[in-house]
Amino acid sequence: MDDHAAACWEAVDAAFGPTSIIIQGNSAGSLVALHMSHQQPERVAALILSGCGYLPQREPMRRWIERYEREGLALRRTQVLDHFSEAARSRPLIQHYADMIVELDGPATLSGIIALNRAMLSAESDAFLAEVRTPTLIISGTADRNHRSAFTLREKLGNAELREIEGAGHAVMLEAPWDYDQLVLEFLERLGLLARG
């Protein structure tokens, strides 16, 4: 995760220079966002996290590694749909999204998925989480597999608040973008990072 975060900082520096930024991350991206804030806290104005929770045991990642090693990329569509609530999986937009992800898969995709899941096997310590003092908004769908643990993550972080979106799954920003956007805008307004109108 530190390598992912460092690579993201390199991209930010190349695109914008040494500026302050707002970071949004979902699922594995939420871990990258936390590591980015840990590496350069003075440059992160706010964190917006979703599809995340306090997960000191990372057995789900181990299971995905084992399944991908056995089943290969044939598993990809199933895993993509696993990011959504049961109610959302049959929606045309979500089906299209899953098809698009699979269509974009290339020769290195399988090894990349396995490597990312291996990187996530090592959980961040409580001390690491407590050191993240960046103002943080956690948005959790109530149908997300990590929903209950999102409350614990909020407590472990040094400066976090949590908002829920009823019925949304792991990819909450895709299932309920209007609710998600509203929560983000309100959070950024409260921090003085956004002036609407």
N, C-alpha and C. Protein backbone atom coordinates (compact mmCIF):
# COMPACT_ATOMS: atom_id res chain seq x y z
N MET A 1 0.82 -1.20 0.00
CA MET A 1 0.00 0.00 0.00
C MET A 1 0.86 1.26 0.00
N ASP A 2 2.00 1.21 0.69
CA ASP A 2 2.90 2.37 0.67
C ASP A 2 3.39 2.66 -0.75
N ASP A 3 3.69 1.61 -1.50
CA ASP A 3 4.14 1.79 -2.89
C ASP A 3 3.03 2.39 -3.74
N HIS A 4 1.80 1.91 -3.56
CA HIS A 4 0.66 2.47 -4.30
C HIS A 4 0.51 3.96 -3.98
N ALA A 5 0.59 4.28 -2.68
CA ALA A 5 0.43 5.67 -2.26
C ALA A 5 1.53 6.55 -2.83
N ALA A 6 2.76 6.06 -2.79
CA ALA A 6 3.88 6.84 -3.33
C ALA A 6 3.70 7.08 -4.83
N ALA A 7 3.22 6.07 -5.54
CA ALA A 7 2.98 6.22 -6.97
C ALA A 7 1.89 7.25 -7.24
N CYS A 8 0.86 7.27 -6.39
CA CYS A 8 -0.20 8.27 -6.55
C CYS A 8 0.34 9.67 -6.30
N TRP A 9 1.20 9.82 -5.30
CA TRP A 9 1.81 11.13 -5.06
C TRP A 9 2.65 11.56 -6.26
N GLU A 10 3.35 10.63 -6.87
CA GLU A 10 4.13 10.97 -8.07
C GLU A 10 3.21 11.48 -9.18
N ALA A 11 2.05 10.83 -9.33
CA ALA A 11 1.09 11.27 -10.35
C ALA A 11 0.54 12.66 -10.03
N VAL A 12 0.22 12.89 -8.76
CA VAL A 12 -0.28 14.21 -8.34
C VAL A 12 0.78 15.28 -8.63
N ASP A 13 2.02 15.00 -8.26
CA ASP A 13 3.10 15.96 -8.47
C ASP A 13 3.29 16.26 -9.95
N ALA A 14 3.21 15.23 -10.78
CA ALA A 14 3.39 15.41 -12.23
C ALA A 14 2.26 16.24 -12.82
N ALA A 15 1.05 16.05 -12.33
CA ALA A 15 -0.11 16.74 -12.90
C ALA A 15 -0.30 18.14 -12.32
N PHE A 16 -0.05 18.31 -11.02
CA PHE A 16 -0.42 19.56 -10.35
C PHE A 16 0.71 20.25 -9.61
N GLY A 17 1.82 19.57 -9.43
CA GLY A 17 2.89 20.14 -8.62
C GLY A 17 2.61 19.91 -7.14
N PRO A 18 3.39 20.55 -6.27
CA PRO A 18 3.29 20.30 -4.82
C PRO A 18 2.14 21.06 -4.17
N THR A 19 0.94 20.67 -4.50
CA THR A 19 -0.25 21.36 -4.01
C THR A 19 -0.98 20.53 -2.97
N SER A 20 -1.92 21.14 -2.28
CA SER A 20 -2.80 20.44 -1.35
C SER A 20 -3.95 19.83 -2.14
N ILE A 21 -4.38 18.64 -1.72
CA ILE A 21 -5.43 17.94 -2.48
C ILE A 21 -6.48 17.34 -1.55
N ILE A 22 -7.61 16.98 -2.15
CA ILE A 22 -8.67 16.19 -1.51
C ILE A 22 -8.58 14.81 -2.15
N ILE A 23 -8.56 13.77 -1.33
CA ILE A 23 -8.43 12.40 -1.85
C ILE A 23 -9.69 11.62 -1.58
N GLN A 24 -10.21 10.96 -2.61
CA GLN A 24 -11.34 10.05 -2.49
C GLN A 24 -10.86 8.65 -2.82
N GLY A 25 -11.23 7.67 -2.00
CA GLY A 25 -10.87 6.29 -2.28
C GLY A 25 -11.98 5.35 -1.89
N ASN A 26 -12.22 4.34 -2.73
CA ASN A 26 -13.22 3.32 -2.44
C ASN A 26 -12.54 1.96 -2.36
N SER A 27 -12.93 1.16 -1.39
CA SER A 27 -12.41 -0.20 -1.24
C SER A 27 -10.89 -0.18 -1.07
N ALA A 28 -10.16 -0.85 -1.96
CA ALA A 28 -8.69 -0.80 -1.88
C ALA A 28 -8.19 0.63 -1.99
N GLY A 29 -8.90 1.45 -2.74
CA GLY A 29 -8.53 2.85 -2.87
C GLY A 29 -8.60 3.61 -1.56
N SER A 30 -9.46 3.16 -0.65
CA SER A 30 -9.52 3.82 0.66
C SER A 30 -8.24 3.56 1.44
N LEU A 31 -7.66 2.39 1.28
CA LEU A 31 -6.38 2.08 1.93
C LEU A 31 -5.27 2.93 1.33
N VAL A 32 -5.28 3.05 0.00
CA VAL A 32 -4.28 3.90 -0.66
C VAL A 32 -4.41 5.33 -0.16
N ALA A 33 -5.65 5.82 -0.04
CA ALA A 33 -5.88 7.19 0.44
C ALA A 33 -5.34 7.38 1.85
N LEU A 34 -5.57 6.41 2.72
CA LEU A 34 -5.05 6.51 4.09
C LEU A 34 -3.53 6.56 4.10
N HIS A 35 -2.91 5.73 3.27
CA HIS A 35 -1.44 5.72 3.20
C HIS A 35 -0.91 7.03 2.60
N MET A 36 -1.63 7.59 1.64
CA MET A 36 -1.21 8.89 1.10
C MET A 36 -1.24 9.96 2.18
N SER A 37 -2.31 9.97 2.97
CA SER A 37 -2.41 10.95 4.04
C SER A 37 -1.34 10.72 5.10
N HIS A 38 -1.01 9.48 5.35
CA HIS A 38 0.02 9.16 6.34
C HIS A 38 1.39 9.63 5.85
N GLN A 39 1.63 9.51 4.53
CA GLN A 39 2.94 9.88 3.98
C GLN A 39 3.14 11.39 3.92
N GLN A 40 2.10 12.12 3.51
CA GLN A 40 2.24 13.58 3.35
C GLN A 40 1.00 14.28 3.93
N PRO A 41 0.83 14.21 5.24
CA PRO A 41 -0.40 14.75 5.85
C PRO A 41 -0.60 16.24 5.60
N GLU A 42 0.48 16.97 5.48
CA GLU A 42 0.38 18.43 5.30
C GLU A 42 -0.22 18.79 3.94
N ARG A 43 -0.27 17.84 3.02
CA ARG A 43 -0.77 18.12 1.67
C ARG A 43 -2.20 17.63 1.45
N VAL A 44 -2.80 16.97 2.44
CA VAL A 44 -4.13 16.40 2.25
C VAL A 44 -5.14 17.24 3.03
N ALA A 45 -5.99 17.94 2.29
CA ALA A 45 -6.99 18.81 2.92
C ALA A 45 -8.15 18.01 3.49
N ALA A 46 -8.48 16.88 2.84
CA ALA A 46 -9.59 16.05 3.31
C ALA A 46 -9.49 14.67 2.66
N LEU A 47 -10.04 13.68 3.37
CA LEU A 47 -10.17 12.32 2.86
C LEU A 47 -11.64 11.96 2.77
N ILE A 48 -12.02 11.30 1.68
CA ILE A 48 -13.38 10.78 1.52
C ILE A 48 -13.23 9.30 1.22
N LEU A 49 -13.70 8.46 2.15
CA LEU A 49 -13.51 7.02 2.04
C LEU A 49 -14.84 6.30 1.96
N SER A 50 -14.88 5.22 1.20
CA SER A 50 -16.08 4.38 1.13
C SER A 50 -15.67 2.94 0.83
N GLY A 51 -16.61 2.02 1.04
CA GLY A 51 -16.30 0.61 0.82
C GLY A 51 -15.19 0.14 1.73
N CYS A 52 -15.17 0.66 2.96
CA CYS A 52 -14.04 0.38 3.85
C CYS A 52 -14.54 0.10 5.26
N GLY A 53 -13.62 -0.39 6.08
CA GLY A 53 -13.93 -0.65 7.48
C GLY A 53 -12.66 -1.01 8.22
N TYR A 54 -12.81 -1.26 9.48
CA TYR A 54 -11.68 -1.70 10.31
C TYR A 54 -11.60 -3.22 10.19
N LEU A 55 -10.59 -3.68 9.47
CA LEU A 55 -10.47 -5.11 9.15
C LEU A 55 -9.09 -5.63 9.54
N PRO A 56 -8.88 -5.90 10.84
CA PRO A 56 -7.57 -6.40 11.25
C PRO A 56 -7.28 -7.79 10.71
N GLN A 57 -8.32 -8.55 10.40
CA GLN A 57 -8.14 -9.87 9.77
C GLN A 57 -8.53 -9.74 8.30
N ARG A 58 -7.66 -10.17 7.41
CA ARG A 58 -7.89 -9.95 5.98
C ARG A 58 -8.11 -11.27 5.21
N GLU A 59 -8.86 -12.18 5.81
CA GLU A 59 -9.12 -13.46 5.17
C GLU A 59 -9.86 -13.34 3.83
N PRO A 60 -10.78 -12.37 3.67
CA PRO A 60 -11.44 -12.27 2.36
C PRO A 60 -10.43 -12.07 1.21
N MET A 61 -9.37 -11.30 1.46
CA MET A 61 -8.37 -11.08 0.42
C MET A 61 -7.65 -12.39 0.11
N ARG A 62 -7.35 -13.17 1.14
CA ARG A 62 -6.69 -14.46 0.93
C ARG A 62 -7.58 -15.38 0.09
N ARG A 63 -8.89 -15.36 0.38
CA ARG A 63 -9.82 -16.20 -0.40
C ARG A 63 -9.88 -15.77 -1.85
N TRP A 64 -9.89 -14.43 -2.10
CA TRP A 64 -9.89 -13.96 -3.49
C TRP A 64 -8.61 -14.38 -4.21
N ILE A 65 -7.47 -14.31 -3.53
CA ILE A 65 -6.20 -14.74 -4.13
C ILE A 65 -6.30 -16.21 -4.54
N GLU A 66 -6.76 -17.05 -3.62
CA GLU A 66 -6.86 -18.49 -3.90
C GLU A 66 -7.82 -18.76 -5.05
N ARG A 67 -8.94 -18.05 -5.07
CA ARG A 67 -9.91 -18.27 -6.15
C ARG A 67 -9.36 -17.81 -7.50
N TYR A 68 -8.71 -16.63 -7.53
CA TYR A 68 -8.14 -16.17 -8.80
C TYR A 68 -7.03 -17.10 -9.29
N GLU A 69 -6.25 -17.66 -8.36
CA GLU A 69 -5.21 -18.60 -8.77
C GLU A 69 -5.81 -19.86 -9.36
N ARG A 70 -6.97 -20.28 -8.85
CA ARG A 70 -7.65 -21.48 -9.37
C ARG A 70 -8.45 -21.19 -10.64
N GLU A 71 -9.22 -20.10 -10.63
CA GLU A 71 -10.22 -19.85 -11.67
C GLU A 71 -9.77 -18.87 -12.74
N GLY A 72 -8.73 -18.10 -12.47
CA GLY A 72 -8.25 -17.13 -13.45
C GLY A 72 -9.23 -15.99 -13.63
N LEU A 73 -9.13 -15.31 -14.78
CA LEU A 73 -9.95 -14.12 -15.03
C LEU A 73 -11.43 -14.44 -15.25
N ALA A 74 -11.78 -15.73 -15.36
CA ALA A 74 -13.19 -16.09 -15.46
C ALA A 74 -13.96 -15.64 -14.21
N LEU A 75 -13.23 -15.41 -13.12
CA LEU A 75 -13.84 -14.97 -11.86
C LEU A 75 -14.12 -13.47 -11.84
N ARG A 76 -13.55 -12.73 -12.76
CA ARG A 76 -13.55 -11.27 -12.70
C ARG A 76 -14.95 -10.67 -12.61
N ARG A 77 -15.86 -11.11 -13.48
CA ARG A 77 -17.20 -10.51 -13.50
C ARG A 77 -17.92 -10.77 -12.18
N THR A 78 -17.76 -11.97 -11.64
CA THR A 78 -18.37 -12.31 -10.36
C THR A 78 -17.86 -11.39 -9.26
N GLN A 79 -16.55 -11.15 -9.26
CA GLN A 79 -15.98 -10.30 -8.22
C GLN A 79 -16.44 -8.85 -8.37
N VAL A 80 -16.54 -8.36 -9.61
CA VAL A 80 -17.01 -6.99 -9.83
C VAL A 80 -18.43 -6.84 -9.29
N LEU A 81 -19.30 -7.80 -9.59
CA LEU A 81 -20.68 -7.71 -9.11
C LEU A 81 -20.78 -7.85 -7.60
N ASP A 82 -19.79 -8.47 -6.97
CA ASP A 82 -19.76 -8.61 -5.52
C ASP A 82 -19.62 -7.26 -4.82
N HIS A 83 -19.25 -6.23 -5.56
CA HIS A 83 -19.11 -4.89 -4.99
C HIS A 83 -20.45 -4.18 -4.81
N PHE A 84 -21.52 -4.82 -5.27
CA PHE A 84 -22.83 -4.16 -5.25
C PHE A 84 -23.81 -4.94 -4.39
N SER A 85 -24.83 -4.25 -3.91
CA SER A 85 -25.88 -4.91 -3.14
C SER A 85 -26.62 -5.89 -4.04
N GLU A 86 -27.24 -6.87 -3.42
CA GLU A 86 -28.02 -7.86 -4.19
C GLU A 86 -29.06 -7.17 -5.07
N ALA A 87 -29.70 -6.15 -4.52
CA ALA A 87 -30.76 -5.45 -5.26
C ALA A 87 -30.23 -4.75 -6.50
N ALA A 88 -28.97 -4.31 -6.46
CA ALA A 88 -28.42 -3.51 -7.57
C ALA A 88 -27.80 -4.35 -8.68
N ARG A 89 -27.44 -5.59 -8.39
CA ARG A 89 -26.65 -6.37 -9.34
C ARG A 89 -27.33 -6.60 -10.68
N SER A 90 -28.65 -6.64 -10.70
CA SER A 90 -29.35 -6.89 -11.96
C SER A 90 -29.69 -5.61 -12.73
N ARG A 91 -29.41 -4.44 -12.16
CA ARG A 91 -29.70 -3.19 -12.86
C ARG A 91 -28.87 -3.09 -14.13
N PRO A 92 -29.46 -2.57 -15.21
CA PRO A 92 -28.72 -2.45 -16.48
C PRO A 92 -27.40 -1.70 -16.35
N LEU A 93 -27.38 -0.61 -15.57
CA LEU A 93 -26.15 0.17 -15.42
C LEU A 93 -25.04 -0.67 -14.77
N ILE A 94 -25.40 -1.43 -13.74
CA ILE A 94 -24.41 -2.25 -13.03
C ILE A 94 -23.94 -3.39 -13.93
N GLN A 95 -24.85 -3.99 -14.68
CA GLN A 95 -24.45 -5.04 -15.63
C GLN A 95 -23.50 -4.47 -16.69
N HIS A 96 -23.81 -3.28 -17.17
CA HIS A 96 -22.94 -2.62 -18.15
C HIS A 96 -21.57 -2.34 -17.54
N TYR A 97 -21.55 -1.86 -16.31
CA TYR A 97 -20.29 -1.58 -15.63
C TYR A 97 -19.44 -2.85 -15.52
N ALA A 98 -20.06 -3.96 -15.11
CA ALA A 98 -19.32 -5.22 -14.99
C ALA A 98 -18.78 -5.67 -16.35
N ASP A 99 -19.60 -5.54 -17.39
CA ASP A 99 -19.15 -5.90 -18.74
C ASP A 99 -17.98 -5.04 -19.18
N MET A 100 -18.05 -3.74 -18.88
CA MET A 100 -17.00 -2.81 -19.27
C MET A 100 -15.68 -3.16 -18.58
N ILE A 101 -15.73 -3.46 -17.28
CA ILE A 101 -14.52 -3.82 -16.54
C ILE A 101 -13.88 -5.07 -17.15
N VAL A 102 -14.68 -6.08 -17.42
CA VAL A 102 -14.16 -7.32 -17.99
C VAL A 102 -13.56 -7.07 -19.37
N GLU A 103 -14.23 -6.23 -20.16
CA GLU A 103 -13.74 -5.92 -21.50
C GLU A 103 -12.38 -5.22 -21.47
N LEU A 104 -12.13 -4.45 -20.41
CA LEU A 104 -10.86 -3.72 -20.29
C LEU A 104 -9.71 -4.58 -19.79
N ASP A 105 -10.02 -5.78 -19.29
CA ASP A 105 -8.97 -6.65 -18.76
C ASP A 105 -7.95 -6.98 -19.84
N GLY A 106 -6.70 -6.94 -19.45
CA GLY A 106 -5.60 -7.27 -20.36
C GLY A 106 -4.76 -8.40 -19.80
N PRO A 107 -3.64 -8.71 -20.46
CA PRO A 107 -2.80 -9.84 -20.05
C PRO A 107 -2.26 -9.73 -18.62
N ALA A 108 -2.03 -8.51 -18.15
CA ALA A 108 -1.45 -8.34 -16.82
C ALA A 108 -2.50 -8.22 -15.72
N THR A 109 -3.77 -8.24 -16.10
CA THR A 109 -4.83 -8.01 -15.11
C THR A 109 -4.82 -9.04 -14.00
N LEU A 110 -4.70 -10.32 -14.33
CA LEU A 110 -4.75 -11.37 -13.32
C LEU A 110 -3.64 -11.21 -12.29
N SER A 111 -2.42 -11.03 -12.74
CA SER A 111 -1.31 -10.88 -11.79
C SER A 111 -1.47 -9.60 -10.98
N GLY A 112 -2.03 -8.55 -11.57
CA GLY A 112 -2.26 -7.30 -10.85
C GLY A 112 -3.30 -7.46 -9.75
N ILE A 113 -4.39 -8.18 -10.04
CA ILE A 113 -5.43 -8.42 -9.03
C ILE A 113 -4.86 -9.21 -7.86
N ILE A 114 -4.10 -10.24 -8.18
CA ILE A 114 -3.52 -11.08 -7.12
C ILE A 114 -2.53 -10.25 -6.29
N ALA A 115 -1.71 -9.45 -6.95
CA ALA A 115 -0.73 -8.63 -6.22
C ALA A 115 -1.42 -7.62 -5.32
N LEU A 116 -2.51 -7.00 -5.81
CA LEU A 116 -3.23 -6.02 -4.98
C LEU A 116 -3.82 -6.69 -3.75
N ASN A 117 -4.41 -7.86 -3.93
CA ASN A 117 -4.97 -8.58 -2.77
C ASN A 117 -3.88 -8.99 -1.79
N ARG A 118 -2.72 -9.36 -2.30
CA ARG A 118 -1.59 -9.68 -1.40
C ARG A 118 -1.17 -8.44 -0.62
N ALA A 119 -1.15 -7.29 -1.29
CA ALA A 119 -0.77 -6.05 -0.61
C ALA A 119 -1.74 -5.72 0.52
N MET A 120 -3.00 -6.10 0.34
CA MET A 120 -4.01 -5.78 1.35
C MET A 120 -4.05 -6.77 2.50
N LEU A 121 -3.26 -7.84 2.43
CA LEU A 121 -3.26 -8.84 3.50
C LEU A 121 -2.72 -8.28 4.81
N SER A 122 -1.79 -7.34 4.73
CA SER A 122 -1.21 -6.74 5.93
C SER A 122 -2.07 -5.57 6.39
N ALA A 123 -2.70 -5.74 7.53
CA ALA A 123 -3.60 -4.70 8.05
C ALA A 123 -2.80 -3.55 8.66
N GLU A 124 -3.35 -2.36 8.55
CA GLU A 124 -2.76 -1.18 9.17
C GLU A 124 -2.95 -1.28 10.69
N SER A 125 -1.94 -0.90 11.43
CA SER A 125 -2.01 -0.97 12.90
C SER A 125 -2.94 0.12 13.44
N ASP A 126 -3.38 -0.07 14.66
CA ASP A 126 -4.19 0.97 15.32
C ASP A 126 -3.40 2.27 15.44
N ALA A 127 -2.09 2.16 15.70
CA ALA A 127 -1.26 3.36 15.81
C ALA A 127 -1.21 4.10 14.48
N PHE A 128 -1.09 3.38 13.38
CA PHE A 128 -1.10 3.98 12.04
C PHE A 128 -2.40 4.76 11.84
N LEU A 129 -3.52 4.12 12.13
CA LEU A 129 -4.82 4.77 11.92
C LEU A 129 -4.97 6.01 12.80
N ALA A 130 -4.53 5.92 14.05
CA ALA A 130 -4.67 7.06 14.97
C ALA A 130 -3.85 8.25 14.50
N GLU A 131 -2.78 8.00 13.76
CA GLU A 131 -1.92 9.08 13.27
C GLU A 131 -2.51 9.82 12.08
N VAL A 132 -3.54 9.26 11.46
CA VAL A 132 -4.20 9.94 10.33
C VAL A 132 -5.14 10.98 10.92
N ARG A 133 -4.70 12.23 10.95
CA ARG A 133 -5.47 13.32 11.56
C ARG A 133 -6.23 14.15 10.53
N THR A 134 -6.10 13.81 9.26
CA THR A 134 -6.79 14.53 8.20
C THR A 134 -8.30 14.46 8.41
N PRO A 135 -9.04 15.55 8.23
CA PRO A 135 -10.50 15.47 8.29
C PRO A 135 -11.00 14.43 7.28
N THR A 136 -11.76 13.46 7.79
CA THR A 136 -12.14 12.30 6.98
C THR A 136 -13.64 12.08 7.03
N LEU A 137 -14.22 11.86 5.86
CA LEU A 137 -15.62 11.46 5.74
C LEU A 137 -15.65 10.01 5.28
N ILE A 138 -16.29 9.14 6.05
CA ILE A 138 -16.53 7.76 5.65
C ILE A 138 -17.99 7.67 5.22
N ILE A 139 -18.22 7.24 3.99
CA ILE A 139 -19.59 7.03 3.50
C ILE A 139 -19.77 5.53 3.34
N SER A 140 -20.73 4.98 4.07
CA SER A 140 -20.92 3.53 4.08
C SER A 140 -22.33 3.16 3.67
N GLY A 141 -22.44 2.27 2.70
CA GLY A 141 -23.74 1.73 2.33
C GLY A 141 -24.15 0.69 3.36
N THR A 142 -25.40 0.68 3.75
CA THR A 142 -25.83 -0.26 4.79
C THR A 142 -25.81 -1.70 4.30
N ALA A 143 -25.75 -1.94 2.98
CA ALA A 143 -25.65 -3.30 2.44
C ALA A 143 -24.21 -3.68 2.10
N ASP A 144 -23.26 -2.83 2.47
CA ASP A 144 -21.84 -3.14 2.24
C ASP A 144 -21.40 -4.19 3.25
N ARG A 145 -20.62 -5.17 2.79
CA ARG A 145 -20.11 -6.21 3.69
C ARG A 145 -19.24 -5.61 4.81
N ASN A 146 -18.69 -4.42 4.60
CA ASN A 146 -17.84 -3.77 5.60
C ASN A 146 -18.60 -2.76 6.46
N HIS A 147 -19.92 -2.68 6.31
CA HIS A 147 -20.66 -1.59 6.96
C HIS A 147 -20.45 -1.53 8.46
N ARG A 148 -20.62 -2.63 9.14
CA ARG A 148 -20.49 -2.61 10.62
C ARG A 148 -19.09 -2.20 11.05
N SER A 149 -18.08 -2.67 10.31
CA SER A 149 -16.70 -2.35 10.69
C SER A 149 -16.33 -0.91 10.34
N ALA A 150 -17.15 -0.24 9.52
CA ALA A 150 -16.89 1.17 9.20
C ALA A 150 -17.01 2.04 10.44
N PHE A 151 -17.90 1.67 11.36
CA PHE A 151 -18.06 2.44 12.61
C PHE A 151 -16.80 2.33 13.47
N THR A 152 -16.20 1.14 13.48
CA THR A 152 -14.96 0.96 14.24
C THR A 152 -13.83 1.75 13.60
N LEU A 153 -13.77 1.74 12.26
CA LEU A 153 -12.75 2.52 11.58
C LEU A 153 -12.87 4.00 11.94
N ARG A 154 -14.10 4.49 11.98
CA ARG A 154 -14.31 5.90 12.36
C ARG A 154 -13.71 6.18 13.74
N GLU A 155 -13.89 5.25 14.67
CA GLU A 155 -13.35 5.44 16.02
C GLU A 155 -11.83 5.35 16.06
N LYS A 156 -11.26 4.54 15.19
CA LYS A 156 -9.80 4.35 15.18
C LYS A 156 -9.07 5.53 14.55
N LEU A 157 -9.72 6.18 13.58
CA LEU A 157 -9.09 7.33 12.93
C LEU A 157 -9.13 8.55 13.84
N GLY A 158 -8.17 9.43 13.65
CA GLY A 158 -8.06 10.56 14.56
C GLY A 158 -9.08 11.66 14.36
N ASN A 159 -9.72 11.74 13.16
CA ASN A 159 -10.58 12.89 12.88
C ASN A 159 -11.60 12.53 11.80
N ALA A 160 -12.49 11.59 12.12
CA ALA A 160 -13.39 11.06 11.09
C ALA A 160 -14.85 11.16 11.50
N GLU A 161 -15.71 11.29 10.51
CA GLU A 161 -17.15 11.19 10.70
C GLU A 161 -17.68 10.17 9.71
N LEU A 162 -18.84 9.61 10.01
CA LEU A 162 -19.41 8.56 9.16
C LEU A 162 -20.84 8.92 8.80
N ARG A 163 -21.17 8.71 7.53
CA ARG A 163 -22.54 8.89 7.05
C ARG A 163 -22.95 7.60 6.32
N GLU A 164 -24.23 7.25 6.44
CA GLU A 164 -24.74 6.02 5.85
C GLU A 164 -25.65 6.32 4.67
N ILE A 165 -25.66 5.39 3.71
CA ILE A 165 -26.63 5.44 2.62
C ILE A 165 -27.38 4.11 2.64
N GLU A 166 -28.65 4.19 2.92
CA GLU A 166 -29.48 3.01 3.10
C GLU A 166 -29.54 2.15 1.84
N GLY A 167 -29.25 0.87 2.01
CA GLY A 167 -29.41 -0.12 0.93
C GLY A 167 -28.28 -0.21 -0.06
N ALA A 168 -27.32 0.71 0.00
CA ALA A 168 -26.22 0.68 -0.97
C ALA A 168 -25.15 -0.31 -0.53
N GLY A 169 -24.42 -0.83 -1.52
CA GLY A 169 -23.39 -1.83 -1.25
C GLY A 169 -22.00 -1.23 -1.19
N HIS A 170 -21.02 -2.08 -1.51
CA HIS A 170 -19.60 -1.74 -1.39
C HIS A 170 -19.20 -0.58 -2.30
N ALA A 171 -19.75 -0.54 -3.50
CA ALA A 171 -19.48 0.55 -4.44
C ALA A 171 -20.59 1.60 -4.32
N VAL A 172 -20.71 2.17 -3.14
CA VAL A 172 -21.82 3.04 -2.79
C VAL A 172 -21.94 4.24 -3.73
N MET A 173 -20.81 4.77 -4.21
CA MET A 173 -20.86 5.96 -5.07
C MET A 173 -21.47 5.66 -6.43
N LEU A 174 -21.46 4.38 -6.85
CA LEU A 174 -22.09 4.00 -8.11
C LEU A 174 -23.55 3.63 -7.94
N GLU A 175 -23.91 3.13 -6.77
CA GLU A 175 -25.30 2.73 -6.53
C GLU A 175 -26.20 3.92 -6.20
N ALA A 176 -25.65 4.89 -5.49
CA ALA A 176 -26.45 6.06 -5.08
C ALA A 176 -25.64 7.33 -5.25
N PRO A 177 -25.28 7.67 -6.50
CA PRO A 177 -24.40 8.83 -6.72
C PRO A 177 -24.97 10.14 -6.24
N TRP A 178 -26.28 10.32 -6.31
CA TRP A 178 -26.90 11.57 -5.89
C TRP A 178 -26.76 11.76 -4.37
N ASP A 179 -27.01 10.68 -3.61
CA ASP A 179 -26.84 10.75 -2.16
C ASP A 179 -25.38 10.92 -1.78
N TYR A 180 -24.53 10.16 -2.46
CA TYR A 180 -23.09 10.22 -2.20
C TYR A 180 -22.56 11.64 -2.44
N ASP A 181 -22.91 12.19 -3.60
CA ASP A 181 -22.44 13.54 -3.94
C ASP A 181 -22.91 14.57 -2.92
N GLN A 182 -24.15 14.45 -2.48
CA GLN A 182 -24.69 15.40 -1.51
C GLN A 182 -23.90 15.35 -0.20
N LEU A 183 -23.58 14.15 0.27
CA LEU A 183 -22.81 14.01 1.51
C LEU A 183 -21.41 14.59 1.35
N VAL A 184 -20.80 14.36 0.19
CA VAL A 184 -19.46 14.90 -0.07
C VAL A 184 -19.49 16.42 -0.10
N LEU A 185 -20.46 16.99 -0.81
CA LEU A 185 -20.54 18.44 -0.93
C LEU A 185 -20.76 19.10 0.44
N GLU A 186 -21.62 18.50 1.24
CA GLU A 186 -21.88 19.05 2.59
C GLU A 186 -20.61 18.99 3.44
N PHE A 187 -19.87 17.90 3.36
CA PHE A 187 -18.63 17.73 4.11
C PHE A 187 -17.60 18.78 3.70
N LEU A 188 -17.42 18.95 2.40
CA LEU A 188 -16.43 19.92 1.91
C LEU A 188 -16.84 21.35 2.25
N GLU A 189 -18.13 21.62 2.22
CA GLU A 189 -18.62 22.95 2.63
C GLU A 189 -18.30 23.23 4.10
N ARG A 190 -18.55 22.23 4.96
CA ARG A 190 -18.28 22.41 6.39
C ARG A 190 -16.80 22.69 6.65
N LEU A 191 -15.93 22.13 5.82
CA LEU A 191 -14.49 22.35 5.98
C LEU A 191 -14.01 23.64 5.32
N GLY A 192 -14.92 24.32 4.63
CA GLY A 192 -14.52 25.53 3.93
C GLY A 192 -13.75 25.27 2.66
N LEU A 193 -13.89 24.05 2.11
CA LEU A 193 -13.17 23.66 0.91
C LEU A 193 -14.02 23.79 -0.35
N LEU A 194 -15.28 24.19 -0.18
CA LEU A 194 -16.18 24.31 -1.31
C LEU A 194 -17.17 25.42 -1.02
N ALA A 195 -17.32 26.31 -1.97
CA ALA A 195 -18.34 27.35 -1.86
C ALA A 195 -19.31 27.16 -3.02
N ARG A 196 -20.52 26.70 -2.69
CA ARG A 196 -21.52 26.50 -3.76
C ARG A 196 -22.30 27.77 -4.01
N GLY A 197 -22.79 27.91 -5.26
CA GLY A 197 -23.57 29.10 -5.62
C GLY A 197 -22.67 30.25 -5.96
